Protein backbone atom coordinates (compact mmCIF):
# COMPACT_ATOMS: atom_id res chain seq x y z
CA MET A 1 108.61 -226.47 201.54
CA ALA A 2 107.17 -228.19 198.27
CA PHE A 3 104.59 -226.46 195.82
CA GLU A 4 102.98 -228.90 193.67
CA PRO A 5 101.26 -227.90 190.31
CA ASP A 6 97.56 -227.49 190.71
CA ASP A 7 95.25 -230.59 189.72
CA PRO A 8 92.57 -229.91 187.17
CA SER A 9 90.01 -231.81 189.10
CA ARG A 10 90.34 -229.56 192.19
CA PRO A 11 87.72 -227.03 192.65
CA GLY A 12 88.80 -223.54 191.67
CA PHE A 13 91.31 -224.63 188.90
CA ALA A 14 89.65 -222.40 186.57
CA LYS A 15 90.49 -219.40 188.63
CA PRO A 16 94.06 -218.31 187.51
CA LEU A 17 94.89 -216.77 190.82
CA LEU A 18 94.29 -219.96 192.68
CA ALA A 19 96.32 -221.86 190.21
CA VAL A 20 99.43 -219.51 190.94
CA LEU A 21 98.85 -219.74 194.52
CA ARG A 22 99.17 -223.54 194.38
CA GLY A 23 102.24 -223.31 192.51
CA GLU A 24 101.57 -223.13 188.84
CA ARG A 25 102.96 -220.48 186.52
CA ARG A 26 100.60 -218.62 184.50
CA ASP A 27 101.32 -216.46 181.57
CA PRO A 28 100.35 -213.46 181.55
CA PRO A 29 100.21 -213.57 185.54
CA PRO A 30 96.89 -213.08 187.34
CA MET A 31 96.61 -209.64 188.77
CA TRP A 32 94.41 -207.79 191.57
CA LEU A 33 95.58 -204.57 193.42
CA MET A 34 95.66 -203.80 197.04
CA ARG A 35 92.86 -201.17 198.04
CA GLN A 36 91.39 -201.82 194.51
CA ALA A 37 88.02 -201.19 196.03
CA GLY A 38 88.37 -197.65 197.19
CA ARG A 39 88.71 -193.78 196.86
CA TYR A 40 90.21 -193.56 193.36
CA LEU A 41 86.89 -194.94 191.82
CA PRO A 42 84.11 -192.40 191.42
CA GLU A 43 81.54 -194.94 192.15
CA TYR A 44 83.02 -195.76 195.39
CA ARG A 45 83.10 -192.11 196.19
CA GLN A 46 79.59 -191.71 195.44
CA LEU A 47 78.39 -194.66 197.53
CA ARG A 48 80.46 -193.46 200.45
CA GLU A 49 78.81 -190.06 200.38
CA GLU A 50 75.52 -191.76 200.48
CA LYS A 51 76.37 -194.23 203.42
CA GLY A 52 78.23 -191.59 205.66
CA SER A 53 80.93 -192.88 207.68
CA PHE A 54 83.42 -195.56 206.59
CA LEU A 55 82.40 -197.94 209.45
CA ASP A 56 78.67 -197.63 208.26
CA LEU A 57 79.71 -198.54 204.87
CA VAL A 58 81.68 -201.68 206.03
CA TYR A 59 78.75 -202.68 208.14
CA ASP A 60 76.13 -202.46 205.48
CA SER A 61 76.69 -205.94 203.83
CA ASP A 62 74.80 -204.98 200.73
CA ALA A 63 76.83 -201.77 200.05
CA ALA A 64 80.35 -203.52 201.20
CA ALA A 65 79.50 -206.11 198.56
CA GLU A 66 78.78 -203.52 195.98
CA VAL A 67 82.15 -201.90 196.79
CA THR A 68 83.84 -205.27 196.67
CA LEU A 69 82.58 -205.91 193.16
CA GLN A 70 82.95 -202.27 191.72
CA PRO A 71 86.49 -202.85 190.55
CA ILE A 72 85.78 -206.29 189.02
CA GLU A 73 82.94 -204.68 187.15
CA ARG A 74 84.98 -201.71 185.86
CA PHE A 75 88.28 -204.04 185.34
CA PRO A 76 87.16 -207.32 184.12
CA GLU A 77 91.04 -208.05 183.54
CA PHE A 78 91.32 -208.40 187.38
CA ASP A 79 91.30 -211.94 188.47
CA ALA A 80 90.18 -211.43 192.03
CA ALA A 81 88.11 -209.51 194.18
CA ILE A 82 89.13 -208.63 197.72
CA LEU A 83 86.79 -208.34 200.42
CA PHE A 84 85.95 -204.63 201.40
CA SER A 85 86.51 -204.31 205.07
CA ASP A 86 89.25 -203.13 207.52
CA ILE A 87 91.89 -204.93 209.62
CA LEU A 88 90.56 -203.10 212.89
CA ILE A 89 87.29 -205.00 212.67
CA VAL A 90 89.19 -207.56 215.00
CA PRO A 91 90.02 -204.96 217.80
CA PHE A 92 86.28 -204.06 217.47
CA ALA A 93 85.02 -207.52 218.07
CA LEU A 94 87.62 -207.84 220.92
CA GLY A 95 85.91 -204.94 222.60
CA GLN A 96 87.52 -201.60 221.84
CA ASN A 97 85.66 -198.82 220.35
CA LEU A 98 86.31 -198.11 216.65
CA THR A 99 85.93 -194.86 215.24
CA PHE A 100 87.35 -193.09 212.04
CA VAL A 101 88.51 -189.47 212.35
CA ALA A 102 88.35 -187.64 209.07
CA GLY A 103 92.09 -186.68 207.99
CA GLU A 104 93.41 -188.50 210.83
CA GLY A 105 92.47 -191.96 210.57
CA PRO A 106 91.37 -194.86 212.90
CA ARG A 107 91.04 -194.62 216.78
CA LEU A 108 90.72 -197.32 219.29
CA THR A 109 89.57 -196.76 222.73
CA PRO A 110 90.68 -197.53 225.42
CA PRO A 111 94.04 -198.09 224.01
CA LEU A 112 95.84 -201.03 225.85
CA ALA A 113 98.83 -198.81 226.76
CA VAL A 114 96.66 -197.67 229.41
CA ALA A 115 93.97 -200.15 229.90
CA LYS A 116 94.20 -204.08 230.34
CA LEU A 117 93.11 -206.70 227.88
CA GLU A 118 91.05 -208.37 230.46
CA GLN A 119 88.95 -205.22 230.93
CA LEU A 120 87.44 -205.51 227.33
CA THR A 121 84.21 -207.22 226.68
CA GLU A 122 84.18 -209.14 223.43
CA TYR A 123 81.50 -208.92 220.94
CA PRO A 124 81.91 -211.82 218.35
CA ALA A 125 78.65 -210.79 216.76
CA ARG A 126 80.59 -207.71 215.29
CA LEU A 127 82.22 -210.25 212.94
CA GLU A 128 78.93 -211.47 211.52
CA PRO A 129 78.08 -208.72 209.06
CA ILE A 130 81.56 -209.31 207.35
CA TYR A 131 80.68 -212.80 206.75
CA GLU A 132 77.44 -211.72 205.23
CA THR A 133 79.23 -209.36 202.84
CA VAL A 134 81.29 -212.38 201.86
CA ARG A 135 78.48 -214.51 200.96
CA LYS A 136 76.81 -211.87 198.93
CA VAL A 137 79.96 -211.18 196.95
CA ARG A 138 80.36 -214.88 196.47
CA GLU A 139 76.76 -215.24 194.98
CA ARG A 140 77.54 -212.47 192.49
CA LEU A 141 81.06 -212.97 191.73
CA SER A 142 81.74 -214.93 188.41
CA SER A 143 83.10 -218.22 188.46
CA GLU A 144 86.54 -217.48 187.01
CA LYS A 145 87.28 -214.79 189.48
CA ALA A 146 88.74 -215.52 193.12
CA LEU A 147 87.52 -214.00 196.31
CA ILE A 148 90.00 -212.98 198.75
CA GLY A 149 89.42 -212.52 202.49
CA PHE A 150 91.68 -210.90 204.80
CA ALA A 151 92.80 -209.82 208.26
CA GLY A 152 95.67 -207.84 209.86
CA ALA A 153 98.33 -210.06 211.14
CA PRO A 154 98.80 -210.24 215.10
CA TRP A 155 101.63 -207.81 215.27
CA THR A 156 100.09 -205.20 213.21
CA VAL A 157 96.82 -205.25 214.95
CA ALA A 158 98.46 -205.27 218.26
CA THR A 159 100.42 -202.00 217.41
CA TYR A 160 97.13 -200.27 216.83
CA MET A 161 95.38 -201.77 219.96
CA VAL A 162 98.23 -200.77 222.18
CA ALA A 163 98.57 -197.19 220.91
CA GLY A 164 94.88 -196.75 220.08
CA GLN A 165 95.95 -195.42 216.63
CA GLY A 166 98.32 -196.01 213.82
CA SER A 167 101.87 -194.38 214.17
CA ARG A 168 105.09 -194.70 212.18
CA GLU A 169 107.39 -196.26 214.55
CA GLN A 170 105.00 -198.34 216.61
CA ALA A 171 106.99 -197.20 219.84
CA GLU A 172 104.20 -197.78 222.35
CA ALA A 173 103.76 -201.53 221.00
CA ARG A 174 107.43 -202.04 220.81
CA ARG A 175 108.25 -200.57 224.40
CA LEU A 176 105.50 -202.92 225.77
CA ALA A 177 106.76 -205.90 223.95
CA TYR A 178 110.31 -205.02 225.52
CA GLY A 179 109.10 -204.13 228.82
CA ASP A 180 106.47 -206.77 229.48
CA PRO A 181 106.70 -209.45 227.02
CA GLN A 182 104.35 -211.56 228.93
CA ALA A 183 101.39 -208.87 228.66
CA PHE A 184 102.28 -208.29 224.99
CA ALA A 185 102.18 -211.99 224.15
CA ALA A 186 98.75 -212.36 225.96
CA ILE A 187 97.39 -209.44 223.56
CA VAL A 188 98.94 -211.29 220.55
CA GLU A 189 97.62 -214.62 221.44
CA ARG A 190 93.93 -213.19 221.95
CA ILE A 191 94.27 -211.47 218.68
CA GLU A 192 95.51 -214.66 216.94
CA ALA A 193 92.70 -216.68 218.39
CA VAL A 194 89.95 -214.16 217.34
CA THR A 195 91.71 -213.92 213.80
CA PHE A 196 91.72 -217.39 213.30
CA ASP A 197 87.96 -217.56 213.79
CA TYR A 198 87.35 -214.52 211.73
CA LEU A 199 89.38 -215.96 208.77
CA CYS A 200 87.54 -219.44 209.18
CA GLY A 201 84.18 -217.57 209.19
CA GLN A 202 85.18 -215.68 205.94
CA VAL A 203 86.35 -219.03 204.29
CA GLU A 204 83.04 -220.76 205.40
CA ALA A 205 81.11 -218.00 203.79
CA GLY A 206 82.88 -218.32 200.38
CA ALA A 207 86.35 -216.80 200.32
CA ASP A 208 88.77 -218.79 198.03
CA ALA A 209 92.12 -217.55 199.62
CA VAL A 210 93.10 -215.07 202.45
CA GLN A 211 95.77 -212.54 203.03
CA LEU A 212 97.50 -211.57 206.23
CA PHE A 213 98.46 -207.90 206.34
CA ASP A 214 101.58 -207.18 208.44
CA SER A 215 101.65 -203.35 207.55
CA TRP A 216 104.10 -202.54 210.40
CA SER A 217 106.30 -205.59 210.37
CA GLY A 218 109.23 -203.37 209.11
CA SER A 219 109.45 -201.54 212.46
CA LEU A 220 110.99 -204.75 214.50
CA ALA A 221 114.46 -205.80 215.14
CA PRO A 222 115.29 -209.22 213.82
CA SER A 223 114.70 -211.20 217.14
CA GLU A 224 111.54 -209.34 217.80
CA PHE A 225 110.59 -209.85 214.02
CA GLU A 226 110.98 -213.80 214.68
CA ARG A 227 108.80 -213.43 217.89
CA TRP A 228 106.10 -211.26 216.99
CA VAL A 229 105.69 -211.50 213.16
CA ILE A 230 106.94 -214.99 212.11
CA ALA A 231 105.82 -217.05 215.17
CA PRO A 232 102.14 -215.92 215.17
CA THR A 233 101.90 -215.94 211.32
CA ALA A 234 103.20 -219.57 211.23
CA ARG A 235 100.59 -220.46 213.95
CA LEU A 236 98.04 -219.07 212.01
CA ALA A 237 98.99 -220.42 208.75
CA GLY A 238 99.28 -224.03 210.50
CA LYS A 239 95.94 -223.73 212.02
CA LEU A 240 94.12 -222.61 208.95
CA ARG A 241 95.92 -225.38 206.94
CA SER A 242 94.75 -227.86 209.52
CA ARG A 243 90.98 -226.76 209.04
CA PHE A 244 91.10 -226.02 205.43
CA PRO A 245 93.99 -228.04 203.86
CA GLU A 246 93.62 -226.62 200.23
CA LEU A 247 93.28 -222.88 201.60
CA PRO A 248 95.96 -220.53 200.16
CA VAL A 249 97.46 -217.87 202.61
CA ILE A 250 99.25 -214.93 201.38
CA GLY A 251 101.50 -213.30 203.89
CA PHE A 252 102.32 -209.54 203.35
CA PRO A 253 105.03 -208.40 205.76
CA LYS A 254 105.46 -204.82 204.34
CA GLY A 255 108.81 -203.27 205.16
CA ALA A 256 110.42 -206.50 206.18
CA GLY A 257 113.33 -206.07 203.84
CA GLY A 258 115.86 -208.97 203.98
CA LYS A 259 113.76 -210.53 206.69
CA ILE A 260 111.29 -211.66 204.11
CA ALA A 261 113.61 -214.64 203.35
CA ALA A 262 113.23 -216.07 206.74
CA TYR A 263 109.52 -215.08 206.70
CA ALA A 264 108.93 -217.11 203.62
CA ARG A 265 110.93 -220.07 204.89
CA GLU A 266 109.41 -220.16 208.35
CA THR A 267 105.83 -219.17 208.36
CA GLY A 268 104.29 -221.72 205.88
CA VAL A 269 102.29 -219.29 203.81
CA SER A 270 101.33 -220.18 200.50
CA ALA A 271 102.61 -217.05 199.04
CA VAL A 272 104.63 -213.93 199.98
CA GLY A 273 103.57 -210.31 198.97
CA LEU A 274 106.45 -208.17 198.33
CA ASP A 275 106.23 -204.33 198.93
CA GLU A 276 107.71 -201.87 196.42
CA THR A 277 111.20 -201.35 198.24
CA VAL A 278 111.99 -205.16 197.65
CA ASP A 279 114.41 -205.81 194.66
CA SER A 280 112.44 -208.43 192.61
CA VAL A 281 115.50 -210.04 191.09
CA TRP A 282 116.86 -210.39 194.76
CA ALA A 283 113.47 -211.97 195.87
CA ASP A 284 113.46 -214.22 192.92
CA ARG A 285 116.95 -215.48 193.78
CA GLU A 286 116.64 -215.67 197.54
CA LEU A 287 113.19 -216.91 198.26
CA PRO A 288 112.39 -220.72 198.25
CA SER A 289 112.25 -222.09 194.91
CA GLY A 290 108.75 -222.45 193.64
CA LEU A 291 107.24 -220.26 196.29
CA PRO A 292 104.68 -217.80 194.59
CA VAL A 293 105.18 -214.18 195.01
CA GLN A 294 102.71 -211.34 194.84
CA GLY A 295 103.63 -207.66 193.78
CA ASN A 296 105.46 -205.39 193.65
CA LEU A 297 104.69 -202.28 191.56
CA ASP A 298 105.28 -198.87 193.42
CA PRO A 299 101.75 -197.24 193.87
CA LEU A 300 103.49 -193.90 192.81
CA ALA A 301 104.47 -195.45 189.30
CA LEU A 302 100.74 -196.36 188.85
CA LEU A 303 99.86 -192.86 189.88
CA THR A 304 102.26 -191.32 187.52
CA GLY A 305 101.53 -193.60 184.59
CA GLY A 306 103.30 -193.54 180.86
CA GLU A 307 106.82 -194.47 180.45
CA PRO A 308 107.61 -194.67 184.41
CA LEU A 309 104.70 -197.20 184.62
CA GLN A 310 105.64 -199.20 181.46
CA SER A 311 109.13 -199.53 182.57
CA ALA A 312 108.36 -200.49 185.92
CA VAL A 313 105.89 -203.22 185.06
CA ARG A 314 108.35 -204.68 182.54
CA ARG A 315 111.11 -204.85 185.15
CA ILE A 316 108.82 -206.78 187.59
CA LEU A 317 107.63 -209.21 184.88
CA ASP A 318 111.21 -209.84 183.72
CA ALA A 319 112.38 -210.49 187.44
CA PHE A 320 110.20 -213.57 187.81
CA PRO A 321 110.83 -215.42 184.45
CA ALA A 322 109.69 -218.89 185.89
CA ARG A 323 108.44 -218.35 189.49
CA PRO A 324 104.56 -218.44 189.93
CA HIS A 325 103.74 -214.80 190.21
CA ILE A 326 100.71 -212.45 190.96
CA PHE A 327 100.90 -209.05 189.62
CA ASN A 328 100.10 -206.44 192.15
CA LEU A 329 101.00 -203.37 193.90
CA GLY A 330 103.71 -202.97 196.66
CA HIS A 331 101.11 -201.36 198.90
CA GLY A 332 97.48 -200.03 198.37
CA ILE A 333 96.38 -198.06 195.39
CA LEU A 334 96.60 -194.31 196.12
CA GLN A 335 93.40 -192.25 196.13
CA ASP A 336 94.63 -189.65 193.25
CA THR A 337 95.35 -192.59 190.89
CA PRO A 338 93.66 -191.83 187.55
CA VAL A 339 91.40 -194.69 186.50
CA ALA A 340 93.00 -194.42 182.99
CA HIS A 341 96.44 -195.49 184.59
CA VAL A 342 94.75 -198.61 186.06
CA GLU A 343 93.37 -199.36 182.58
CA GLU A 344 96.84 -198.94 181.06
CA LEU A 345 98.32 -201.09 183.71
CA THR A 346 95.91 -204.00 182.83
CA ARG A 347 96.74 -203.67 179.12
CA LEU A 348 100.51 -204.05 180.06
CA VAL A 349 100.14 -206.88 182.44
CA LYS A 350 97.72 -208.76 180.35
CA GLY A 351 99.87 -208.16 177.23
CA ALA A 352 97.34 -206.25 175.07
CA GLN A 353 99.70 -203.27 174.81
CA TRP A 354 103.45 -202.87 175.09
CA ILE A 355 105.30 -199.60 174.28
CA GLY A 356 108.86 -199.09 173.98
């Protein structure tokens, strides 16, 4: 896998995040935060209260665009906006009913543990408001900021579709994958096809890069990881590259641990996101030379702030002395995180303030 330095004549070269995703080292590194548009911001909480349900907010393209841009307006040091949406928009488009239960999370009905995929009626129009959000953000986003689109990776989305909700062990999906791999493969293939169309729609609407969130990849045995995480991701990355040769694709296999090395070698993604449990020094040593990485500050270090935050940031920056690196969290920002701690983080990463 070769990663060539960015060409100054290419569109987007002035955007630091895109330059790094194409293999260039930038100091200080570009940064953005997973879930940077969300509940830790008072302006988000106010808008959410006005709009009511989470899904109503996602499907109001004006409001969703506003939420996407809120962290960029508050933290001008951020180098990218990420689309405000949800990974379960794809199952919703595939025909499952989607609701969000306060204090409990999302619900998909009927779950595919009891229903058949072919019983669902697809609604591709449910993707259109998301593209409109991308277009509206693109119109308002400054030229030096990148816009990141995203989708859930097929394995993770399949776990929700089978169980009808999130679960820590993903037992229903794993059981189906072992017991009826043909049926499970059909689910994964359908998710993959719709996800490809969905990401293409986001890029055509103005996204500069896309991220695949495989939030539950850590629950799989190595052989199952190869089949249900690496193989679908490789197919998606290959199809996206065929359609958009310059499109950066970030893969985020949360919880994959040592399997990240195989993921990086075999999927063809442009960059790999590391969660907070990954040793950054190990990752720099074991991942393909020149492959951009993203991460991997513990969200709890950010919530804590002060010296623990300063030490954690320095360890991460020191771990990648030459590799192309995007600074990010190892997972989403926690809702109780003080805004002042995010301000402190931007000063630390961007070099305006080092203490100790």
